Every structure is written in structure tokens, then in C-alpha cells.
């Protein structure tokens, strides 16, 4: 069940207000990675993270998942499995 949220939305404990234009913008994209965890992993390797790295990684993840979904579908399955990667 989904709940419709009227716009603009004021986030709790924040002075940020979200506009519908933000979500309709071609520059808005869903992130599929947790940037802080990626930074933590790289920090453990004595590496630093560029500001745009998490976005680029998220796009790669999205591409991989889409390819895996197409492969599963081509094999007559609706379940994506590890072998589809």
C-alpha cells in the first residue's frame, strides 16, 4: 500500500523542502549504493573517494541488474539468480 505525499514536502528535522520538479528533472537519479559504505571500504584500503564515484558506481550496478534481468527473462525465468551476473 502506498501513501501519496502532497508536494512540496517538508522533511522532519530539516529546513529542506522537496519540489516535484526535482523528481521530474533529468538529473535526478535513484542511487543503488550506500555511499558511506563504499567510502568506508575504500578507506580501509587507504584510498580516497571522488565526489562522483558513488553515482558512477550506482549507474554500473543499475546496468548490471538490468542485464541480469534480461538474461533471466531470456532463459524463461522471472527470478534473477547469481548466475545471471
PDB file of N, CA and C in Angstrom:
ATOM      1  N   UNK A   1       0.843  -1.172   0.000  1.00  0.00           N
ATOM      2  CA  UNK A   1       0.000   0.000   0.000  1.00  0.00           C
ATOM      3  C   UNK A   1       0.889   1.236   0.000  1.00  0.00           C
ATOM      4  N   UNK A   2       0.619   2.146  -0.873  1.00  0.00           N
ATOM      5  CA  UNK A   2       1.422   3.362  -0.935  1.00  0.00           C
ATOM      6  C   UNK A   2       0.627   4.546  -0.416  1.00  0.00           C
ATOM      7  N   UNK A   3       1.359   5.497   0.103  1.00  0.00           N
ATOM      8  CA  UNK A   3       0.748   6.710   0.614  1.00  0.00           C
ATOM      9  C   UNK A   3       1.167   7.858  -0.282  1.00  0.00           C
ATOM     10  N   UNK A   4       0.197   8.628  -0.736  1.00  0.00           N
ATOM     11  CA  UNK A   4       0.519   9.781  -1.551  1.00  0.00           C
ATOM     12  C   UNK A   4       0.935  10.926  -0.647  1.00  0.00           C
ATOM     13  N   UNK A   5       2.013  11.575  -1.002  1.00  0.00           N
ATOM     14  CA  UNK A   5       2.522  12.692  -0.223  1.00  0.00           C
ATOM     15  C   UNK A   5       2.339  13.950  -1.051  1.00  0.00           C
ATOM     16  N   UNK A   6       1.613  14.915  -0.512  1.00  0.00           N
ATOM     17  CA  UNK A   6       1.427  16.159  -1.273  1.00  0.00           C
ATOM     18  C   UNK A   6       2.733  16.928  -1.350  1.00  0.00           C
ATOM     19  N   UNK A   7       2.933  17.613  -2.461  1.00  0.00           N
ATOM     20  CA  UNK A   7       4.136  18.427  -2.635  1.00  0.00           C
ATOM     21  C   UNK A   7       3.808  19.875  -2.352  1.00  0.00           C
ATOM     22  N   UNK A   8       4.721  20.706  -1.947  1.00  0.00           N
ATOM     23  CA  UNK A   8       6.078  20.351  -1.539  1.00  0.00           C
ATOM     24  C   UNK A   8       6.086  19.644  -0.192  1.00  0.00           C
ATOM     25  N   UNK A   9       7.099  18.835   0.035  1.00  0.00           N
ATOM     26  CA  UNK A   9       7.227  18.057   1.254  1.00  0.00           C
ATOM     27  C   UNK A   9       8.275  18.703   2.141  1.00  0.00           C
ATOM     28  N   UNK A  10       7.931  18.955   3.383  1.00  0.00           N
ATOM     29  CA  UNK A  10       8.913  19.449   4.354  1.00  0.00           C
ATOM     30  C   UNK A  10       9.404  18.244   5.145  1.00  0.00           C
ATOM     31  N   UNK A  11      10.685  17.995   5.105  1.00  0.00           N
ATOM     32  CA  UNK A  11      11.245  16.855   5.804  1.00  0.00           C
ATOM     33  C   UNK A  11      11.381  17.162   7.290  1.00  0.00           C
ATOM     34  N   UNK A  12      11.092  16.175   8.161  1.00  0.00           N
ATOM     35  CA  UNK A  12      11.231  16.417   9.597  1.00  0.00           C
ATOM     36  C   UNK A  12      12.676  16.737   9.960  1.00  0.00           C
ATOM     37  N   UNK A  13      12.862  17.589  10.929  1.00  0.00           N
ATOM     38  CA  UNK A  13      14.169  17.966  11.448  1.00  0.00           C
ATOM     39  C   UNK A  13      15.059  18.595  10.376  1.00  0.00           C
ATOM     40  N   UNK A  14      14.456  19.189   9.386  1.00  0.00           N
ATOM     41  CA  UNK A  14      15.243  19.757   8.302  1.00  0.00           C
ATOM     42  C   UNK A  14      14.550  20.998   7.766  1.00  0.00           C
ATOM     43  N   UNK A  15      15.330  21.858   7.214  1.00  0.00           N
ATOM     44  CA  UNK A  15      14.750  23.032   6.572  1.00  0.00           C
ATOM     45  C   UNK A  15      14.631  22.818   5.070  1.00  0.00           C
ATOM     46  N   UNK A  16      14.820  21.582   4.621  1.00  0.00           N
ATOM     47  CA  UNK A  16      14.776  21.254   3.199  1.00  0.00           C
ATOM     48  C   UNK A  16      13.334  20.989   2.774  1.00  0.00           C
ATOM     49  N   UNK A  17      12.933  21.569   1.670  1.00  0.00           N
ATOM     50  CA  UNK A  17      11.623  21.317   1.079  1.00  0.00           C
ATOM     51  C   UNK A  17      11.848  20.737  -0.313  1.00  0.00           C
ATOM     52  N   UNK A  18      11.183  19.625  -0.595  1.00  0.00           N
ATOM     53  CA  UNK A  18      11.333  18.968  -1.892  1.00  0.00           C
ATOM     54  C   UNK A  18      10.247  19.451  -2.844  1.00  0.00           C
ATOM     55  N   UNK A  19      10.636  19.722  -4.037  1.00  0.00           N
ATOM     56  CA  UNK A  19       9.718  20.175  -5.067  1.00  0.00           C
ATOM     57  C   UNK A  19       9.485  19.044  -6.064  1.00  0.00           C
ATOM     58  N   UNK A  20       8.290  18.940  -6.651  1.00  0.00           N
ATOM     59  CA  UNK A  20       8.061  17.903  -7.660  1.00  0.00           C
ATOM     60  C   UNK A  20       9.014  18.028  -8.842  1.00  0.00           C
ATOM     61  N   UNK A  21       9.461  19.238  -9.125  1.00  0.00           N
ATOM     62  CA  UNK A  21      10.381  19.446 -10.248  1.00  0.00           C
ATOM     63  C   UNK A  21      11.676  18.674 -10.053  1.00  0.00           C
ATOM     64  N   UNK A  22      12.082  18.478  -8.800  1.00  0.00           N
ATOM     65  CA  UNK A  22      13.306  17.720  -8.514  1.00  0.00           C
ATOM     66  C   UNK A  22      13.205  16.299  -9.051  1.00  0.00           C
ATOM     67  N   UNK A  23      12.041  15.671  -8.858  1.00  0.00           N
ATOM     68  CA  UNK A  23      11.867  14.284  -9.267  1.00  0.00           C
ATOM     69  C   UNK A  23      11.613  14.149 -10.762  1.00  0.00           C
ATOM     70  N   UNK A  24      11.185  15.208 -11.397  1.00  0.00           N
ATOM     71  CA  UNK A  24      10.946  15.186 -12.834  1.00  0.00           C
ATOM     72  C   UNK A  24      12.180  15.603 -13.621  1.00  0.00           C
ATOM     73  N   UNK A  25      13.174  16.084 -12.920  1.00  0.00           N
ATOM     74  CA  UNK A  25      14.393  16.570 -13.549  1.00  0.00           C
ATOM     75  C   UNK A  25      15.187  15.410 -14.142  1.00  0.00           C
ATOM     76  N   UNK A  26      15.763  15.583 -15.331  1.00  0.00           N
ATOM     77  CA  UNK A  26      16.565  14.514 -15.920  1.00  0.00           C
ATOM     78  C   UNK A  26      17.852  14.259 -15.142  1.00  0.00           C
ATOM     79  N   UNK A  27      18.232  15.167 -14.243  1.00  0.00           N
ATOM     80  CA  UNK A  27      19.458  14.960 -13.476  1.00  0.00           C
ATOM     81  C   UNK A  27      19.214  14.174 -12.200  1.00  0.00           C
ATOM     82  N   UNK A  28      17.937  13.980 -11.799  1.00  0.00           N
ATOM     83  CA  UNK A  28      17.625  13.212 -10.601  1.00  0.00           C
ATOM     84  C   UNK A  28      17.709  11.736 -10.939  1.00  0.00           C
ATOM     85  N   UNK A  29      18.449  10.978 -10.144  1.00  0.00           N
ATOM     86  CA  UNK A  29      18.524   9.545 -10.381  1.00  0.00           C
ATOM     87  C   UNK A  29      18.528   8.800  -9.053  1.00  0.00           C
ATOM     88  N   UNK A  30      18.024   7.596  -9.101  1.00  0.00           N
ATOM     89  CA  UNK A  30      17.968   6.740  -7.924  1.00  0.00           C
ATOM     90  C   UNK A  30      19.366   6.198  -7.658  1.00  0.00           C
ATOM     91  N   UNK A  31      19.766   6.174  -6.397  1.00  0.00           N
ATOM     92  CA  UNK A  31      21.059   5.597  -6.055  1.00  0.00           C
ATOM     93  C   UNK A  31      20.860   4.170  -5.571  1.00  0.00           C
ATOM     94  N   UNK A  32      21.670   3.275  -6.065  1.00  0.00           N
ATOM     95  CA  UNK A  32      21.581   1.865  -5.694  1.00  0.00           C
ATOM     96  C   UNK A  32      22.719   1.438  -4.782  1.00  0.00           C
ATOM     97  N   UNK A  33      23.533   2.371  -4.349  1.00  0.00           N
ATOM     98  CA  UNK A  33      24.640   2.057  -3.445  1.00  0.00           C
ATOM     99  C   UNK A  33      24.584   2.984  -2.238  1.00  0.00           C
ATOM    100  N   UNK A  34      25.147   2.511  -1.140  1.00  0.00           N
ATOM    101  CA  UNK A  34      25.264   3.329   0.062  1.00  0.00           C
ATOM    102  C   UNK A  34      26.654   3.949   0.033  1.00  0.00           C
ATOM    103  N   UNK A  35      26.691   5.237  -0.284  1.00  0.00           N
ATOM    104  CA  UNK A  35      27.964   5.928  -0.483  1.00  0.00           C
ATOM    105  C   UNK A  35      28.871   5.823   0.737  1.00  0.00           C
ATOM    106  N   UNK A  36      28.308   5.921   1.936  1.00  0.00           N
ATOM    107  CA  UNK A  36      29.138   5.868   3.141  1.00  0.00           C
ATOM    108  C   UNK A  36      29.821   4.515   3.290  1.00  0.00           C
ATOM    109  N   UNK A  37      29.151   3.454   2.874  1.00  0.00           N
ATOM    110  CA  UNK A  37      29.747   2.109   2.961  1.00  0.00           C
ATOM    111  C   UNK A  37      30.846   1.934   1.915  1.00  0.00           C
ATOM    112  N   UNK A  38      30.638   2.520   0.744  1.00  0.00           N
ATOM    113  CA  UNK A  38      31.662   2.467  -0.307  1.00  0.00           C
ATOM    114  C   UNK A  38      32.895   3.230   0.168  1.00  0.00           C
ATOM    115  N   UNK A  39      32.675   4.410   0.736  1.00  0.00           N
ATOM    116  CA  UNK A  39      33.794   5.205   1.254  1.00  0.00           C
ATOM    117  C   UNK A  39      34.527   4.469   2.359  1.00  0.00           C
ATOM    118  N   UNK A  40      33.768   3.815   3.226  1.00  0.00           N
ATOM    119  CA  UNK A  40      34.361   3.052   4.327  1.00  0.00           C
ATOM    120  C   UNK A  40      35.236   1.918   3.790  1.00  0.00           C
ATOM    121  N   UNK A  41      34.746   1.210   2.791  1.00  0.00           N
ATOM    122  CA  UNK A  41      35.512   0.116   2.178  1.00  0.00           C
ATOM    123  C   UNK A  41      36.808   0.631   1.576  1.00  0.00           C
ATOM    124  N   UNK A  42      36.715   1.718   0.823  1.00  0.00           N
ATOM    125  CA  UNK A  42      37.910   2.270   0.197  1.00  0.00           C
ATOM    126  C   UNK A  42      38.871   2.865   1.225  1.00  0.00           C
ATOM    127  N   UNK A  43      38.321   3.446   2.277  1.00  0.00           N
ATOM    128  CA  UNK A  43      39.171   3.986   3.335  1.00  0.00           C
ATOM    129  C   UNK A  43      39.997   2.874   3.981  1.00  0.00           C
ATOM    130  N   UNK A  44      39.390   1.694   4.121  1.00  0.00           N
ATOM    131  CA  UNK A  44      40.095   0.528   4.656  1.00  0.00           C
ATOM    132  C   UNK A  44      41.218   0.065   3.747  1.00  0.00           C
ATOM    133  N   UNK A  45      41.171   0.490   2.503  1.00  0.00           N
ATOM    134  CA  UNK A  45      42.221   0.159   1.541  1.00  0.00           C
ATOM    135  C   UNK A  45      43.192   1.326   1.378  1.00  0.00           C
ATOM    136  N   UNK A  46      43.093   2.318   2.293  1.00  0.00           N
ATOM    137  CA  UNK A  46      43.913   3.530   2.232  1.00  0.00           C
ATOM    138  C   UNK A  46      43.689   4.322   0.942  1.00  0.00           C
ATOM    139  N   UNK A  47      42.435   4.335   0.485  1.00  0.00           N
ATOM    140  CA  UNK A  47      42.067   5.056  -0.731  1.00  0.00           C
ATOM    141  C   UNK A  47      41.065   6.143  -0.374  1.00  0.00           C
ATOM    142  N   UNK A  48      41.017   7.170  -1.204  1.00  0.00           N
ATOM    143  CA  UNK A  48      40.027   8.227  -1.042  1.00  0.00           C
ATOM    144  C   UNK A  48      38.965   8.068  -2.127  1.00  0.00           C
ATOM    145  N   UNK A  49      37.819   8.712  -1.932  1.00  0.00           N
ATOM    146  CA  UNK A  49      36.703   8.589  -2.861  1.00  0.00           C
ATOM    147  C   UNK A  49      36.395   9.947  -3.486  1.00  0.00           C
ATOM    148  N   UNK A  50      36.368  10.002  -4.798  1.00  0.00           N
ATOM    149  CA  UNK A  50      35.983  11.225  -5.501  1.00  0.00           C
ATOM    150  C   UNK A  50      34.489  11.452  -5.298  1.00  0.00           C
ATOM    151  N   UNK A  51      34.066  12.682  -5.363  1.00  0.00           N
ATOM    152  CA  UNK A  51      32.676  13.030  -5.120  1.00  0.00           C
ATOM    153  C   UNK A  51      31.685  12.369  -6.048  1.00  0.00           C
ATOM    154  N   UNK A  52      32.085  12.068  -7.265  1.00  0.00           N
ATOM    155  CA  UNK A  52      31.164  11.478  -8.237  1.00  0.00           C
ATOM    156  C   UNK A  52      31.279   9.954  -8.339  1.00  0.00           C
ATOM    157  N   UNK A  53      32.125   9.351  -7.504  1.00  0.00           N
ATOM    158  CA  UNK A  53      32.346   7.911  -7.597  1.00  0.00           C
ATOM    159  C   UNK A  53      31.087   7.101  -7.282  1.00  0.00           C
ATOM    160  N   UNK A  54      30.380   7.454  -6.211  1.00  0.00           N
ATOM    161  CA  UNK A  54      29.192   6.690  -5.814  1.00  0.00           C
ATOM    162  C   UNK A  54      28.122   6.735  -6.906  1.00  0.00           C
ATOM    163  N   UNK A  55      27.945   7.881  -7.560  1.00  0.00           N
ATOM    164  CA  UNK A  55      26.964   7.978  -8.646  1.00  0.00           C
ATOM    165  C   UNK A  55      27.355   7.086  -9.823  1.00  0.00           C
ATOM    166  N   UNK A  56      28.636   7.096 -10.172  1.00  0.00           N
ATOM    167  CA  UNK A  56      29.109   6.255 -11.279  1.00  0.00           C
ATOM    168  C   UNK A  56      28.950   4.772 -10.933  1.00  0.00           C
ATOM    169  N   UNK A  57      29.255   4.421  -9.683  1.00  0.00           N
ATOM    170  CA  UNK A  57      29.102   3.032  -9.240  1.00  0.00           C
ATOM    171  C   UNK A  57      27.634   2.623  -9.276  1.00  0.00           C
ATOM    172  N   UNK A  58      26.749   3.513  -8.864  1.00  0.00           N
ATOM    173  CA  UNK A  58      25.321   3.231  -8.883  1.00  0.00           C
ATOM    174  C   UNK A  58      24.837   2.962 -10.307  1.00  0.00           C
ATOM    175  N   UNK A  59      25.331   3.726 -11.270  1.00  0.00           N
ATOM    176  CA  UNK A  59      24.955   3.511 -12.669  1.00  0.00           C
ATOM    177  C   UNK A  59      25.446   2.151 -13.161  1.00  0.00           C
ATOM    178  N   UNK A  60      26.640   1.759 -12.728  1.00  0.00           N
ATOM    179  CA  UNK A  60      27.164   0.438 -13.099  1.00  0.00           C
ATOM    180  C   UNK A  60      26.305  -0.670 -12.503  1.00  0.00           C
ATOM    181  N   UNK A  61      25.893  -0.511 -11.248  1.00  0.00           N
ATOM    182  CA  UNK A  61      25.040  -1.501 -10.588  1.00  0.00           C
ATOM    183  C   UNK A  61      23.708  -1.607 -11.329  1.00  0.00           C
ATOM    184  N   UNK A  62      23.126  -0.464 -11.677  1.00  0.00           N
ATOM    185  CA  UNK A  62      21.864  -0.462 -12.416  1.00  0.00           C
ATOM    186  C   UNK A  62      22.003  -1.218 -13.736  1.00  0.00           C
ATOM    187  N   UNK A  63      23.093  -0.977 -14.450  1.00  0.00           N
ATOM    188  CA  UNK A  63      23.337  -1.649 -15.719  1.00  0.00           C
ATOM    189  C   UNK A  63      23.481  -3.157 -15.530  1.00  0.00           C
ATOM    190  N   UNK A  64      24.216  -3.561 -14.500  1.00  0.00           N
ATOM    191  CA  UNK A  64      24.412  -4.985 -14.222  1.00  0.00           C
ATOM    192  C   UNK A  64      23.089  -5.672 -13.893  1.00  0.00           C
ATOM    193  N   UNK A  65      22.258  -5.025 -13.083  1.00  0.00           N
ATOM    194  CA  UNK A  65      20.975  -5.605 -12.689  1.00  0.00           C
ATOM    195  C   UNK A  65      20.059  -5.732 -13.904  1.00  0.00           C
ATOM    196  N   UNK A  66      20.037  -4.720 -14.756  1.00  0.00           N
ATOM    197  CA  UNK A  66      19.203  -4.786 -15.959  1.00  0.00           C
ATOM    198  C   UNK A  66      19.643  -5.920 -16.879  1.00  0.00           C
ATOM    199  N   UNK A  67      20.982  -6.056 -17.061  1.00  0.00           N
ATOM    200  CA  UNK A  67      21.491  -7.154 -17.899  1.00  0.00           C
ATOM    201  C   UNK A  67      21.123  -8.506 -17.294  1.00  0.00           C
ATOM    202  N   UNK A  68      21.233  -8.630 -15.980  1.00  0.00           N
ATOM    203  CA  UNK A  68      20.888  -9.889 -15.313  1.00  0.00           C
ATOM    204  C   UNK A  68      19.401 -10.190 -15.480  1.00  0.00           C
ATOM    205  N   UNK A  69      18.563  -9.171 -15.381  1.00  0.00           N
ATOM    206  CA  UNK A  69      17.129  -9.364 -15.573  1.00  0.00           C
ATOM    207  C   UNK A  69      16.798  -9.826 -16.986  1.00  0.00           C
ATOM    208  N   UNK A  70      17.458  -9.246 -17.970  1.00  0.00           N
ATOM    209  CA  UNK A  70      17.238  -9.648 -19.365  1.00  0.00           C
ATOM    210  C   UNK A  70      17.695 -11.082 -19.597  1.00  0.00           C
ATOM    211  N   UNK A  71      18.809 -11.457 -18.960  1.00  0.00           N
ATOM    212  CA  UNK A  71      19.319 -12.819 -19.117  1.00  0.00           C
ATOM    213  C   UNK A  71      18.351 -13.833 -18.508  1.00  0.00           C
ATOM    214  N   UNK A  72      17.840 -13.512 -17.312  1.00  0.00           N
ATOM    215  CA  UNK A  72      16.873 -14.403 -16.662  1.00  0.00           C
ATOM    216  C   UNK A  72      15.620 -14.545 -17.526  1.00  0.00           C
ATOM    217  N   UNK A  73      15.143 -13.424 -18.056  1.00  0.00           N
ATOM    218  CA  UNK A  73      13.958 -13.448 -18.907  1.00  0.00           C
ATOM    219  C   UNK A  73      14.204 -14.277 -20.172  1.00  0.00           C
ATOM    220  N   UNK A  74      15.383 -14.128 -20.753  1.00  0.00           N
ATOM    221  CA  UNK A  74      15.731 -14.893 -21.959  1.00  0.00           C
ATOM    222  C   UNK A  74      15.778 -16.391 -21.682  1.00  0.00           C
ATOM    223  N   UNK A  75      16.030 -16.741 -20.411  1.00  0.00           N
ATOM    224  CA  UNK A  75      16.072 -18.149 -20.014  1.00  0.00           C
ATOM    225  C   UNK A  75      14.734 -18.616 -19.444  1.00  0.00           C
ATOM    226  N   UNK A  76      13.685 -17.829 -19.652  1.00  0.00           N
ATOM    227  CA  UNK A  76      12.340 -18.230 -19.242  1.00  0.00           C
ATOM    228  C   UNK A  76      12.095 -18.147 -17.741  1.00  0.00           C
ATOM    229  N   UNK A  77      12.867 -17.333 -17.036  1.00  0.00           N
ATOM    230  CA  UNK A  77      12.698 -17.205 -15.588  1.00  0.00           C
ATOM    231  C   UNK A  77      12.277 -15.798 -15.212  1.00  0.00           C
ATOM    232  N   UNK A  78      11.538 -15.680 -14.113  1.00  0.00           N
ATOM    233  CA  UNK A  78      11.199 -14.386 -13.555  1.00  0.00           C
ATOM    234  C   UNK A  78      12.056 -14.109 -12.324  1.00  0.00           C
ATOM    235  N   UNK A  79      12.871 -15.071 -11.940  1.00  0.00           N
ATOM    236  CA  UNK A  79      13.753 -14.915 -10.790  1.00  0.00           C
ATOM    237  C   UNK A  79      15.179 -14.690 -11.281  1.00  0.00           C
ATOM    238  N   UNK A  80      15.756 -13.581 -10.893  1.00  0.00           N
ATOM    239  CA  UNK A  80      17.144 -13.286 -11.245  1.00  0.00           C
ATOM    240  C   UNK A  80      18.040 -13.987 -10.239  1.00  0.00           C
ATOM    241  N   UNK A  81      19.001 -14.739 -10.742  1.00  0.00           N
ATOM    242  CA  UNK A  81      19.885 -15.521  -9.877  1.00  0.00           C
ATOM    243  C   UNK A  81      21.324 -15.046 -10.038  1.00  0.00           C
ATOM    244  N   UNK A  82      22.182 -15.515  -9.129  1.00  0.00           N
ATOM    245  CA  UNK A  82      23.590 -15.103  -9.155  1.00  0.00           C
ATOM    246  C   UNK A  82      24.254 -15.425 -10.483  1.00  0.00           C
ATOM    247  N   UNK A  83      23.868 -16.512 -11.094  1.00  0.00           N
ATOM    248  CA  UNK A  83      24.483 -16.894 -12.369  1.00  0.00           C
ATOM    249  C   UNK A  83      24.136 -15.951 -13.500  1.00  0.00           C
ATOM    250  N   UNK A  84      23.126 -15.089 -13.300  1.00  0.00           N
ATOM    251  CA  UNK A  84      22.755 -14.115 -14.319  1.00  0.00           C
ATOM    252  C   UNK A  84      23.731 -12.948 -14.369  1.00  0.00           C
ATOM    253  N   UNK A  85      24.540 -12.797 -13.328  1.00  0.00           N
ATOM    254  CA  UNK A  85      25.558 -11.763 -13.323  1.00  0.00           C
ATOM    255  C   UNK A  85      26.725 -12.200 -14.182  1.00  0.00           C
TER     256      UNK A  85
END
